[in-house]
N, C-alpha and C. Protein backbone atom coordinates (compact mmCIF):
# COMPACT_ATOMS: atom_id res chain seq x y z
N UNK A 1 -19.48 -23.71 -44.72
CA UNK A 1 -19.48 -24.13 -43.34
C UNK A 1 -18.30 -23.52 -42.58
N UNK A 2 -17.17 -23.37 -43.29
CA UNK A 2 -16.01 -22.76 -42.66
C UNK A 2 -16.27 -21.31 -42.33
N UNK A 3 -17.11 -20.64 -43.14
CA UNK A 3 -17.43 -19.25 -42.88
C UNK A 3 -18.18 -19.09 -41.56
N UNK A 4 -19.08 -20.02 -41.26
CA UNK A 4 -19.86 -19.93 -40.03
C UNK A 4 -18.97 -20.10 -38.80
N UNK A 5 -17.95 -20.93 -38.89
CA UNK A 5 -17.06 -21.17 -37.75
C UNK A 5 -16.23 -19.94 -37.43
N UNK A 6 -15.91 -19.14 -38.46
CA UNK A 6 -15.05 -17.98 -38.24
C UNK A 6 -15.82 -16.70 -37.95
N UNK A 7 -17.11 -16.75 -37.99
CA UNK A 7 -17.91 -15.55 -37.70
C UNK A 7 -17.80 -15.18 -36.23
N UNK A 8 -17.65 -13.94 -35.99
CA UNK A 8 -17.59 -13.45 -34.60
C UNK A 8 -19.00 -13.13 -34.14
N UNK A 9 -19.18 -13.18 -32.83
CA UNK A 9 -20.48 -12.79 -32.30
C UNK A 9 -20.65 -11.29 -32.52
N UNK A 10 -21.87 -10.85 -32.74
CA UNK A 10 -22.08 -9.42 -33.01
C UNK A 10 -21.66 -8.58 -31.81
N UNK A 11 -21.03 -7.47 -32.08
CA UNK A 11 -20.61 -6.58 -30.99
C UNK A 11 -21.83 -5.84 -30.45
N UNK A 12 -21.78 -5.45 -29.18
CA UNK A 12 -22.92 -4.73 -28.60
C UNK A 12 -23.17 -3.43 -29.34
N UNK A 13 -24.43 -3.10 -29.50
CA UNK A 13 -24.81 -1.90 -30.25
C UNK A 13 -24.91 -0.66 -29.36
N UNK A 14 -25.08 -0.85 -28.10
CA UNK A 14 -25.25 0.31 -27.23
C UNK A 14 -24.77 0.00 -25.82
N UNK A 15 -24.78 1.01 -25.01
CA UNK A 15 -24.33 0.90 -23.63
C UNK A 15 -25.15 -0.11 -22.84
N UNK A 16 -26.43 -0.22 -23.16
CA UNK A 16 -27.30 -1.13 -22.42
C UNK A 16 -26.96 -2.59 -22.68
N UNK A 17 -26.31 -2.89 -23.79
CA UNK A 17 -26.01 -4.27 -24.13
C UNK A 17 -24.62 -4.71 -23.65
N UNK A 18 -23.86 -3.81 -23.06
CA UNK A 18 -22.52 -4.17 -22.59
C UNK A 18 -22.61 -5.13 -21.41
N UNK A 19 -21.69 -6.10 -21.34
CA UNK A 19 -21.67 -7.00 -20.18
C UNK A 19 -21.19 -6.24 -18.93
N UNK A 20 -21.54 -6.79 -17.79
CA UNK A 20 -21.20 -6.13 -16.52
C UNK A 20 -19.69 -5.96 -16.33
N UNK A 21 -18.88 -6.89 -16.86
CA UNK A 21 -17.43 -6.78 -16.71
C UNK A 21 -16.92 -5.49 -17.35
N UNK A 22 -17.47 -5.14 -18.51
CA UNK A 22 -17.05 -3.90 -19.17
C UNK A 22 -17.63 -2.69 -18.45
N UNK A 23 -18.85 -2.81 -17.95
CA UNK A 23 -19.44 -1.71 -17.19
C UNK A 23 -18.61 -1.40 -15.94
N UNK A 24 -18.06 -2.45 -15.33
CA UNK A 24 -17.21 -2.23 -14.15
C UNK A 24 -16.01 -1.36 -14.51
N UNK A 25 -15.41 -1.61 -15.67
CA UNK A 25 -14.27 -0.81 -16.11
C UNK A 25 -14.68 0.64 -16.38
N UNK A 26 -15.89 0.81 -16.88
CA UNK A 26 -16.38 2.15 -17.20
C UNK A 26 -16.67 2.96 -15.93
N UNK A 27 -17.30 2.33 -14.94
CA UNK A 27 -17.74 3.08 -13.76
C UNK A 27 -16.66 3.22 -12.69
N UNK A 28 -15.57 2.47 -12.80
CA UNK A 28 -14.54 2.52 -11.77
C UNK A 28 -14.06 3.94 -11.45
N UNK A 29 -13.75 4.78 -12.45
CA UNK A 29 -13.25 6.12 -12.10
C UNK A 29 -14.33 7.13 -11.72
N UNK A 30 -15.60 6.75 -11.78
CA UNK A 30 -16.68 7.70 -11.51
C UNK A 30 -16.81 7.99 -10.02
N UNK A 31 -17.26 9.19 -9.70
CA UNK A 31 -17.56 9.55 -8.32
C UNK A 31 -18.90 8.94 -7.92
N UNK A 32 -19.17 8.88 -6.64
CA UNK A 32 -20.41 8.28 -6.15
C UNK A 32 -21.63 9.03 -6.67
N UNK A 33 -21.57 10.35 -6.72
CA UNK A 33 -22.70 11.13 -7.24
C UNK A 33 -22.98 10.78 -8.70
N UNK A 34 -21.92 10.61 -9.48
CA UNK A 34 -22.10 10.23 -10.89
C UNK A 34 -22.67 8.83 -11.02
N UNK A 35 -22.25 7.93 -10.14
CA UNK A 35 -22.80 6.57 -10.16
C UNK A 35 -24.30 6.59 -9.87
N UNK A 36 -24.69 7.39 -8.90
CA UNK A 36 -26.12 7.47 -8.57
C UNK A 36 -26.91 8.06 -9.73
N UNK A 37 -26.35 9.04 -10.42
CA UNK A 37 -26.99 9.62 -11.60
C UNK A 37 -27.15 8.56 -12.69
N UNK A 38 -26.11 7.77 -12.89
CA UNK A 38 -26.17 6.70 -13.89
C UNK A 38 -27.26 5.69 -13.52
N UNK A 39 -27.42 5.42 -12.24
CA UNK A 39 -28.44 4.48 -11.79
C UNK A 39 -29.85 4.97 -12.04
N UNK A 40 -30.02 6.26 -12.22
CA UNK A 40 -31.37 6.79 -12.47
C UNK A 40 -31.77 6.74 -13.94
N UNK A 41 -30.88 6.25 -14.82
CA UNK A 41 -31.17 6.21 -16.26
C UNK A 41 -32.24 5.17 -16.58
N UNK A 42 -32.06 3.95 -16.10
CA UNK A 42 -33.05 2.90 -16.34
C UNK A 42 -32.87 1.78 -15.31
N UNK A 43 -33.71 0.75 -15.42
CA UNK A 43 -33.70 -0.32 -14.41
C UNK A 43 -32.40 -1.13 -14.43
N UNK A 44 -31.85 -1.40 -15.62
CA UNK A 44 -30.61 -2.18 -15.68
C UNK A 44 -29.49 -1.44 -14.96
N UNK A 45 -29.33 -0.16 -15.26
CA UNK A 45 -28.28 0.61 -14.61
C UNK A 45 -28.56 0.81 -13.13
N UNK A 46 -29.81 0.88 -12.76
CA UNK A 46 -30.14 1.03 -11.34
C UNK A 46 -29.69 -0.22 -10.58
N UNK A 47 -30.05 -1.39 -11.10
CA UNK A 47 -29.63 -2.64 -10.44
C UNK A 47 -28.10 -2.74 -10.40
N UNK A 48 -27.48 -2.40 -11.51
CA UNK A 48 -26.02 -2.48 -11.60
C UNK A 48 -25.35 -1.54 -10.59
N UNK A 49 -25.78 -0.29 -10.56
CA UNK A 49 -25.12 0.68 -9.67
C UNK A 49 -25.39 0.39 -8.20
N UNK A 50 -26.60 -0.06 -7.88
CA UNK A 50 -26.89 -0.42 -6.49
C UNK A 50 -25.98 -1.57 -6.06
N UNK A 51 -25.86 -2.57 -6.91
CA UNK A 51 -24.99 -3.71 -6.61
C UNK A 51 -23.53 -3.27 -6.52
N UNK A 52 -23.10 -2.44 -7.44
CA UNK A 52 -21.72 -1.95 -7.44
C UNK A 52 -21.42 -1.16 -6.17
N UNK A 53 -22.32 -0.25 -5.81
CA UNK A 53 -22.10 0.55 -4.60
C UNK A 53 -22.07 -0.33 -3.36
N UNK A 54 -22.95 -1.32 -3.31
CA UNK A 54 -23.00 -2.20 -2.15
C UNK A 54 -21.72 -3.03 -2.04
N UNK A 55 -21.24 -3.55 -3.16
CA UNK A 55 -20.08 -4.43 -3.13
C UNK A 55 -18.75 -3.71 -2.99
N UNK A 56 -18.58 -2.64 -3.72
CA UNK A 56 -17.26 -2.05 -3.82
C UNK A 56 -17.08 -0.73 -3.07
N UNK A 57 -18.04 0.14 -3.14
CA UNK A 57 -17.83 1.48 -2.60
C UNK A 57 -18.15 1.54 -1.11
N UNK A 58 -19.27 0.98 -0.69
CA UNK A 58 -19.67 1.09 0.72
C UNK A 58 -18.69 0.39 1.64
N UNK A 59 -18.04 -0.67 1.17
CA UNK A 59 -17.09 -1.38 2.01
C UNK A 59 -15.75 -0.67 2.10
N UNK A 60 -15.50 0.25 1.23
CA UNK A 60 -14.21 0.92 1.18
C UNK A 60 -14.16 2.12 2.12
N UNK A 61 -15.27 2.54 2.66
CA UNK A 61 -15.29 3.72 3.51
C UNK A 61 -14.35 3.60 4.70
N UNK A 62 -14.19 2.41 5.23
CA UNK A 62 -13.29 2.23 6.38
C UNK A 62 -11.85 2.55 5.99
N UNK A 63 -11.50 2.36 4.72
CA UNK A 63 -10.14 2.62 4.28
C UNK A 63 -9.81 4.11 4.26
N UNK A 64 -10.82 4.95 4.30
CA UNK A 64 -10.56 6.39 4.27
C UNK A 64 -10.52 7.00 5.68
N UNK A 65 -10.67 6.19 6.69
CA UNK A 65 -10.63 6.70 8.07
C UNK A 65 -9.22 7.15 8.44
N UNK A 66 -9.10 8.17 9.27
CA UNK A 66 -7.77 8.59 9.72
C UNK A 66 -7.15 7.55 10.66
N UNK A 67 -5.84 7.59 10.76
CA UNK A 67 -5.11 6.62 11.58
C UNK A 67 -5.58 6.58 13.02
N UNK A 68 -5.94 7.72 13.58
CA UNK A 68 -6.37 7.77 14.98
C UNK A 68 -7.62 6.92 15.19
N UNK A 69 -8.56 6.98 14.25
CA UNK A 69 -9.78 6.18 14.38
C UNK A 69 -9.49 4.70 14.17
N UNK A 70 -8.58 4.38 13.26
CA UNK A 70 -8.22 2.98 13.05
C UNK A 70 -7.57 2.40 14.31
N UNK A 71 -6.74 3.19 14.96
CA UNK A 71 -6.13 2.73 16.21
C UNK A 71 -7.17 2.58 17.31
N UNK A 72 -8.17 3.46 17.32
CA UNK A 72 -9.26 3.33 18.30
C UNK A 72 -10.04 2.05 18.04
N UNK A 73 -10.26 1.72 16.78
CA UNK A 73 -10.94 0.46 16.43
C UNK A 73 -10.10 -0.72 16.89
N UNK A 74 -8.79 -0.66 16.65
CA UNK A 74 -7.90 -1.74 17.07
C UNK A 74 -7.92 -1.90 18.59
N UNK A 75 -7.97 -0.80 19.31
CA UNK A 75 -8.05 -0.86 20.78
C UNK A 75 -9.34 -1.51 21.23
N UNK A 76 -10.41 -1.21 20.54
CA UNK A 76 -11.73 -1.73 20.91
C UNK A 76 -11.79 -3.24 20.71
N UNK A 77 -11.10 -3.76 19.71
CA UNK A 77 -11.10 -5.20 19.48
C UNK A 77 -10.36 -5.87 20.63
N UNK A 78 -11.00 -6.79 21.28
CA UNK A 78 -10.45 -7.37 22.49
C UNK A 78 -9.40 -8.44 22.28
N UNK A 79 -9.45 -9.15 21.18
CA UNK A 79 -8.55 -10.28 20.98
C UNK A 79 -7.50 -9.97 19.92
N UNK A 80 -6.34 -10.53 20.12
CA UNK A 80 -5.24 -10.31 19.19
C UNK A 80 -5.57 -10.86 17.81
N UNK A 81 -6.32 -11.96 17.75
CA UNK A 81 -6.70 -12.52 16.45
C UNK A 81 -7.56 -11.54 15.66
N UNK A 82 -8.47 -10.85 16.35
CA UNK A 82 -9.32 -9.86 15.68
C UNK A 82 -8.48 -8.69 15.16
N UNK A 83 -7.53 -8.26 15.98
CA UNK A 83 -6.65 -7.18 15.54
C UNK A 83 -5.81 -7.60 14.35
N UNK A 84 -5.37 -8.84 14.37
CA UNK A 84 -4.57 -9.36 13.26
C UNK A 84 -5.39 -9.41 11.97
N UNK A 85 -6.65 -9.78 12.07
CA UNK A 85 -7.53 -9.78 10.89
C UNK A 85 -7.70 -8.36 10.35
N UNK A 86 -7.87 -7.40 11.24
CA UNK A 86 -7.98 -6.01 10.81
C UNK A 86 -6.70 -5.57 10.11
N UNK A 87 -5.57 -5.98 10.64
CA UNK A 87 -4.28 -5.60 10.05
C UNK A 87 -4.14 -6.14 8.63
N UNK A 88 -4.68 -7.31 8.38
CA UNK A 88 -4.54 -7.93 7.05
C UNK A 88 -5.51 -7.37 6.02
N UNK A 89 -6.34 -6.42 6.40
CA UNK A 89 -7.33 -5.86 5.46
C UNK A 89 -6.67 -5.05 4.35
N UNK A 90 -5.57 -4.40 4.63
CA UNK A 90 -4.87 -3.63 3.60
C UNK A 90 -3.43 -3.39 4.05
N UNK A 91 -2.61 -2.96 3.12
CA UNK A 91 -1.21 -2.67 3.44
C UNK A 91 -1.10 -1.55 4.48
N UNK A 92 -1.92 -0.52 4.31
CA UNK A 92 -1.91 0.61 5.26
C UNK A 92 -2.32 0.13 6.64
N UNK A 93 -3.37 -0.68 6.71
CA UNK A 93 -3.81 -1.21 8.00
C UNK A 93 -2.72 -2.07 8.62
N UNK A 94 -2.06 -2.88 7.79
CA UNK A 94 -1.06 -3.80 8.32
C UNK A 94 0.05 -3.04 9.04
N UNK A 95 0.58 -2.04 8.37
CA UNK A 95 1.68 -1.28 8.98
C UNK A 95 1.24 -0.61 10.28
N UNK A 96 0.06 -0.04 10.26
CA UNK A 96 -0.44 0.71 11.41
C UNK A 96 -0.84 -0.22 12.57
N UNK A 97 -1.66 -1.20 12.27
CA UNK A 97 -2.23 -2.06 13.32
C UNK A 97 -1.19 -3.04 13.85
N UNK A 98 -0.31 -3.56 12.99
CA UNK A 98 0.72 -4.47 13.49
C UNK A 98 1.68 -3.75 14.43
N UNK A 99 1.99 -2.52 14.13
CA UNK A 99 2.83 -1.74 15.04
C UNK A 99 2.13 -1.61 16.39
N UNK A 100 0.83 -1.36 16.37
CA UNK A 100 0.05 -1.27 17.61
C UNK A 100 0.06 -2.61 18.35
N UNK A 101 -0.16 -3.70 17.61
CA UNK A 101 -0.18 -5.04 18.22
C UNK A 101 1.15 -5.33 18.89
N UNK A 102 2.24 -5.06 18.20
CA UNK A 102 3.56 -5.36 18.74
C UNK A 102 3.87 -4.51 19.97
N UNK A 103 3.50 -3.24 19.93
CA UNK A 103 3.74 -2.37 21.09
C UNK A 103 2.90 -2.80 22.30
N UNK A 104 1.66 -3.20 22.04
CA UNK A 104 0.82 -3.71 23.14
C UNK A 104 1.40 -5.00 23.70
N UNK A 105 1.93 -5.83 22.82
CA UNK A 105 2.52 -7.09 23.29
C UNK A 105 3.74 -6.83 24.16
N UNK A 106 4.52 -5.84 23.81
CA UNK A 106 5.68 -5.49 24.63
C UNK A 106 5.21 -4.97 25.98
N UNK A 107 4.20 -4.12 25.98
CA UNK A 107 3.73 -3.50 27.21
C UNK A 107 2.95 -4.46 28.11
N UNK A 108 2.04 -5.24 27.52
CA UNK A 108 1.13 -6.04 28.33
C UNK A 108 1.32 -7.55 28.20
N UNK A 109 2.03 -8.00 27.17
CA UNK A 109 2.14 -9.43 26.92
C UNK A 109 3.50 -10.02 27.18
N UNK A 110 4.38 -9.25 27.81
CA UNK A 110 5.69 -9.77 28.15
C UNK A 110 6.55 -10.11 26.95
N UNK A 111 6.33 -9.46 25.83
CA UNK A 111 7.10 -9.67 24.59
C UNK A 111 6.99 -11.11 24.08
N UNK A 112 5.85 -11.74 24.31
CA UNK A 112 5.68 -13.14 23.90
C UNK A 112 5.76 -13.32 22.39
N UNK A 113 5.44 -12.28 21.63
CA UNK A 113 5.52 -12.40 20.17
C UNK A 113 6.97 -12.48 19.68
N UNK A 114 7.91 -12.16 20.52
CA UNK A 114 9.32 -12.30 20.12
C UNK A 114 9.66 -13.78 19.92
N UNK A 115 9.13 -14.65 20.75
CA UNK A 115 9.33 -16.09 20.54
C UNK A 115 8.66 -16.55 19.25
N UNK A 116 7.48 -16.01 18.96
CA UNK A 116 6.78 -16.32 17.71
C UNK A 116 7.63 -15.90 16.52
N UNK A 117 8.19 -14.70 16.59
CA UNK A 117 9.04 -14.20 15.50
C UNK A 117 10.31 -15.04 15.36
N UNK A 118 10.88 -15.46 16.49
CA UNK A 118 12.09 -16.27 16.45
C UNK A 118 11.82 -17.64 15.83
N UNK A 119 10.69 -18.22 16.14
CA UNK A 119 10.35 -19.55 15.60
C UNK A 119 10.14 -19.50 14.09
N UNK A 120 9.54 -18.41 13.61
CA UNK A 120 9.20 -18.31 12.18
C UNK A 120 10.19 -17.48 11.38
N UNK A 121 11.28 -17.07 12.02
CA UNK A 121 12.35 -16.29 11.37
C UNK A 121 11.82 -14.98 10.80
N UNK A 122 11.01 -14.27 11.56
CA UNK A 122 10.44 -12.99 11.15
C UNK A 122 11.33 -11.87 11.69
N UNK A 123 12.40 -11.60 10.96
CA UNK A 123 13.42 -10.66 11.43
C UNK A 123 12.88 -9.25 11.64
N UNK A 124 12.09 -8.77 10.70
CA UNK A 124 11.55 -7.40 10.83
C UNK A 124 10.64 -7.30 12.05
N UNK A 125 9.84 -8.31 12.27
CA UNK A 125 8.94 -8.31 13.43
C UNK A 125 9.77 -8.31 14.72
N UNK A 126 10.81 -9.13 14.76
CA UNK A 126 11.66 -9.19 15.95
C UNK A 126 12.33 -7.84 16.21
N UNK A 127 12.84 -7.22 15.16
CA UNK A 127 13.48 -5.91 15.32
C UNK A 127 12.48 -4.86 15.83
N UNK A 128 11.25 -4.90 15.32
CA UNK A 128 10.23 -3.95 15.77
C UNK A 128 9.94 -4.14 17.25
N UNK A 129 9.82 -5.38 17.67
CA UNK A 129 9.56 -5.68 19.09
C UNK A 129 10.73 -5.19 19.95
N UNK A 130 11.93 -5.48 19.52
CA UNK A 130 13.11 -5.07 20.29
C UNK A 130 13.25 -3.56 20.31
N UNK A 131 12.96 -2.90 19.19
CA UNK A 131 13.03 -1.44 19.13
C UNK A 131 11.99 -0.80 20.05
N UNK A 132 10.85 -1.48 20.22
CA UNK A 132 9.79 -0.96 21.10
C UNK A 132 10.08 -1.25 22.57
N UNK A 133 11.22 -1.87 22.84
CA UNK A 133 11.60 -2.13 24.23
C UNK A 133 11.28 -3.53 24.70
N UNK A 134 11.09 -4.45 23.79
CA UNK A 134 10.77 -5.84 24.16
C UNK A 134 11.91 -6.52 24.89
N UNK A 135 11.56 -7.45 25.74
CA UNK A 135 12.53 -8.20 26.54
C UNK A 135 13.15 -9.29 25.67
N UNK A 136 14.43 -9.15 25.35
CA UNK A 136 15.12 -10.10 24.48
C UNK A 136 15.25 -11.47 25.14
N UNK A 137 15.13 -11.54 26.46
CA UNK A 137 15.26 -12.80 27.18
C UNK A 137 13.93 -13.33 27.70
N UNK A 138 12.84 -12.89 27.12
CA UNK A 138 11.53 -13.33 27.59
C UNK A 138 11.38 -14.84 27.48
N UNK A 139 10.64 -15.39 28.40
CA UNK A 139 10.35 -16.82 28.34
C UNK A 139 8.85 -17.04 28.17
N UNK A 140 8.18 -16.04 27.68
CA UNK A 140 6.74 -16.14 27.47
C UNK A 140 6.47 -16.43 26.01
N UNK A 141 5.34 -17.03 25.74
CA UNK A 141 4.93 -17.25 24.37
C UNK A 141 4.74 -18.71 24.02
N UNK A 142 5.40 -19.60 24.72
CA UNK A 142 5.24 -21.02 24.46
C UNK A 142 4.99 -21.75 25.77
N UNK A 143 4.48 -22.93 25.66
CA UNK A 143 4.28 -23.76 26.86
C UNK A 143 5.63 -24.27 27.34
N UNK A 144 5.71 -24.62 28.60
CA UNK A 144 6.98 -25.16 29.11
C UNK A 144 7.38 -26.43 28.35
N UNK A 145 8.69 -26.61 28.19
CA UNK A 145 9.21 -27.79 27.50
C UNK A 145 9.12 -29.00 28.43
N UNK A 146 9.68 -30.10 27.98
CA UNK A 146 9.64 -31.35 28.75
C UNK A 146 10.30 -31.18 30.11
N UNK A 147 11.34 -30.37 30.17
CA UNK A 147 12.03 -30.18 31.45
C UNK A 147 11.38 -29.10 32.31
N UNK A 148 10.25 -28.57 31.86
CA UNK A 148 9.49 -27.63 32.66
C UNK A 148 9.86 -26.17 32.48
N UNK A 149 10.70 -25.86 31.52
CA UNK A 149 11.10 -24.48 31.28
C UNK A 149 10.57 -23.99 29.94
N UNK A 150 10.34 -22.72 29.89
CA UNK A 150 9.92 -22.10 28.63
C UNK A 150 11.17 -21.64 27.88
N UNK A 151 11.19 -21.80 26.56
CA UNK A 151 12.38 -21.40 25.81
C UNK A 151 12.46 -19.88 25.65
N UNK A 152 13.67 -19.39 25.54
CA UNK A 152 13.89 -17.98 25.22
C UNK A 152 13.85 -17.82 23.70
N UNK A 153 13.71 -16.60 23.20
CA UNK A 153 13.76 -16.41 21.74
C UNK A 153 15.08 -16.90 21.13
N UNK A 154 16.19 -16.73 21.85
CA UNK A 154 17.47 -17.21 21.35
C UNK A 154 17.45 -18.73 21.20
N UNK A 155 16.95 -19.42 22.20
CA UNK A 155 16.87 -20.88 22.14
C UNK A 155 15.93 -21.32 21.02
N UNK A 156 14.83 -20.61 20.86
CA UNK A 156 13.86 -20.95 19.81
C UNK A 156 14.48 -20.78 18.43
N UNK A 157 15.17 -19.66 18.22
CA UNK A 157 15.80 -19.40 16.91
C UNK A 157 16.89 -20.43 16.63
N UNK A 158 17.69 -20.76 17.64
CA UNK A 158 18.76 -21.75 17.46
C UNK A 158 18.17 -23.13 17.17
N UNK A 159 17.12 -23.48 17.89
CA UNK A 159 16.48 -24.78 17.70
C UNK A 159 15.96 -24.95 16.27
N UNK A 160 15.47 -23.88 15.69
CA UNK A 160 14.92 -23.94 14.33
C UNK A 160 15.95 -23.59 13.26
N UNK A 161 17.19 -23.34 13.66
CA UNK A 161 18.26 -23.11 12.69
C UNK A 161 18.23 -21.76 12.00
N UNK A 162 17.70 -20.75 12.65
CA UNK A 162 17.61 -19.42 12.04
C UNK A 162 18.82 -18.58 12.48
N UNK A 163 19.91 -18.69 11.73
CA UNK A 163 21.16 -18.02 12.09
C UNK A 163 21.02 -16.50 12.12
N UNK A 164 20.31 -15.94 11.15
CA UNK A 164 20.12 -14.49 11.12
C UNK A 164 19.39 -13.99 12.35
N UNK A 165 18.39 -14.74 12.78
CA UNK A 165 17.63 -14.36 13.97
C UNK A 165 18.51 -14.47 15.21
N UNK A 166 19.31 -15.53 15.28
CA UNK A 166 20.23 -15.70 16.41
C UNK A 166 21.17 -14.50 16.49
N UNK A 167 21.69 -14.08 15.34
CA UNK A 167 22.60 -12.93 15.29
C UNK A 167 21.91 -11.66 15.79
N UNK A 168 20.68 -11.43 15.34
CA UNK A 168 19.92 -10.24 15.78
C UNK A 168 19.74 -10.26 17.29
N UNK A 169 19.35 -11.41 17.81
CA UNK A 169 19.09 -11.52 19.25
C UNK A 169 20.36 -11.34 20.07
N UNK A 170 21.47 -11.92 19.60
CA UNK A 170 22.73 -11.75 20.32
C UNK A 170 23.21 -10.31 20.27
N UNK A 171 23.03 -9.64 19.13
CA UNK A 171 23.44 -8.24 19.00
C UNK A 171 22.64 -7.32 19.93
N UNK A 172 21.42 -7.73 20.25
CA UNK A 172 20.58 -6.88 21.11
C UNK A 172 20.64 -7.31 22.58
N UNK A 173 21.57 -8.18 22.91
CA UNK A 173 21.81 -8.50 24.31
C UNK A 173 21.18 -9.76 24.84
N UNK A 174 20.82 -10.69 23.98
CA UNK A 174 20.25 -11.95 24.46
C UNK A 174 21.31 -12.70 25.26
N UNK A 175 20.89 -13.24 26.38
CA UNK A 175 21.79 -13.96 27.26
C UNK A 175 21.89 -15.42 26.83
N UNK A 176 23.12 -15.94 26.93
CA UNK A 176 23.33 -17.36 26.64
C UNK A 176 22.78 -18.23 27.76
N UNK A 177 22.73 -17.68 28.96
CA UNK A 177 22.28 -18.45 30.12
C UNK A 177 21.19 -17.69 30.86
N UNK A 178 20.10 -18.37 31.11
CA UNK A 178 19.03 -17.79 31.91
C UNK A 178 18.60 -18.85 32.91
N UNK A 179 19.08 -18.74 34.12
CA UNK A 179 18.74 -19.69 35.18
C UNK A 179 18.88 -21.13 34.71
N UNK A 180 19.99 -21.46 34.10
CA UNK A 180 20.22 -22.83 33.65
C UNK A 180 20.28 -22.90 32.14
N UNK A 181 20.02 -24.09 31.61
CA UNK A 181 20.14 -24.26 30.16
C UNK A 181 19.08 -23.46 29.40
N UNK A 182 19.36 -23.19 28.12
CA UNK A 182 18.45 -22.41 27.30
C UNK A 182 17.15 -23.14 27.01
N UNK A 183 17.18 -24.43 26.93
CA UNK A 183 15.97 -25.19 26.61
C UNK A 183 15.28 -25.73 27.84
């Protein structure tokens, strides 16, 4: 009885008996033409390769687009949320599209994302906005406070206790006073 418990399941005898997880490892380095050739061998491989191409290869084509086309796609997307989703698709997209988003925000959005960066202590984002010419004293990005004023990025960073962000903002010329108190 102990012998039966220690017996291993029989190993696959041929390529056709391999599980899909192992087939995925085998086909990963293949070119698309080779995958299509493999799919013509029999019905199992045809189903496997069609599914593989649909899931993994066809969706990757956007990743091979040149930067100019990706920026054109980002321009076409009307909402910042949509652009942000595109940016999160890959590391390459993130660097490219987020730079576009931040530059557009400086040009058309009054640097409102600087307050967002100050609230969440996103130092790199804040530096990118400021380097692109963002207004360090912007009051856009949040609703007016109880006293009817919108906070500046400096006030936002100080309110949330982000000393590093406060230092960055002060070094780039943030004013301590803007038409009255900071808050």
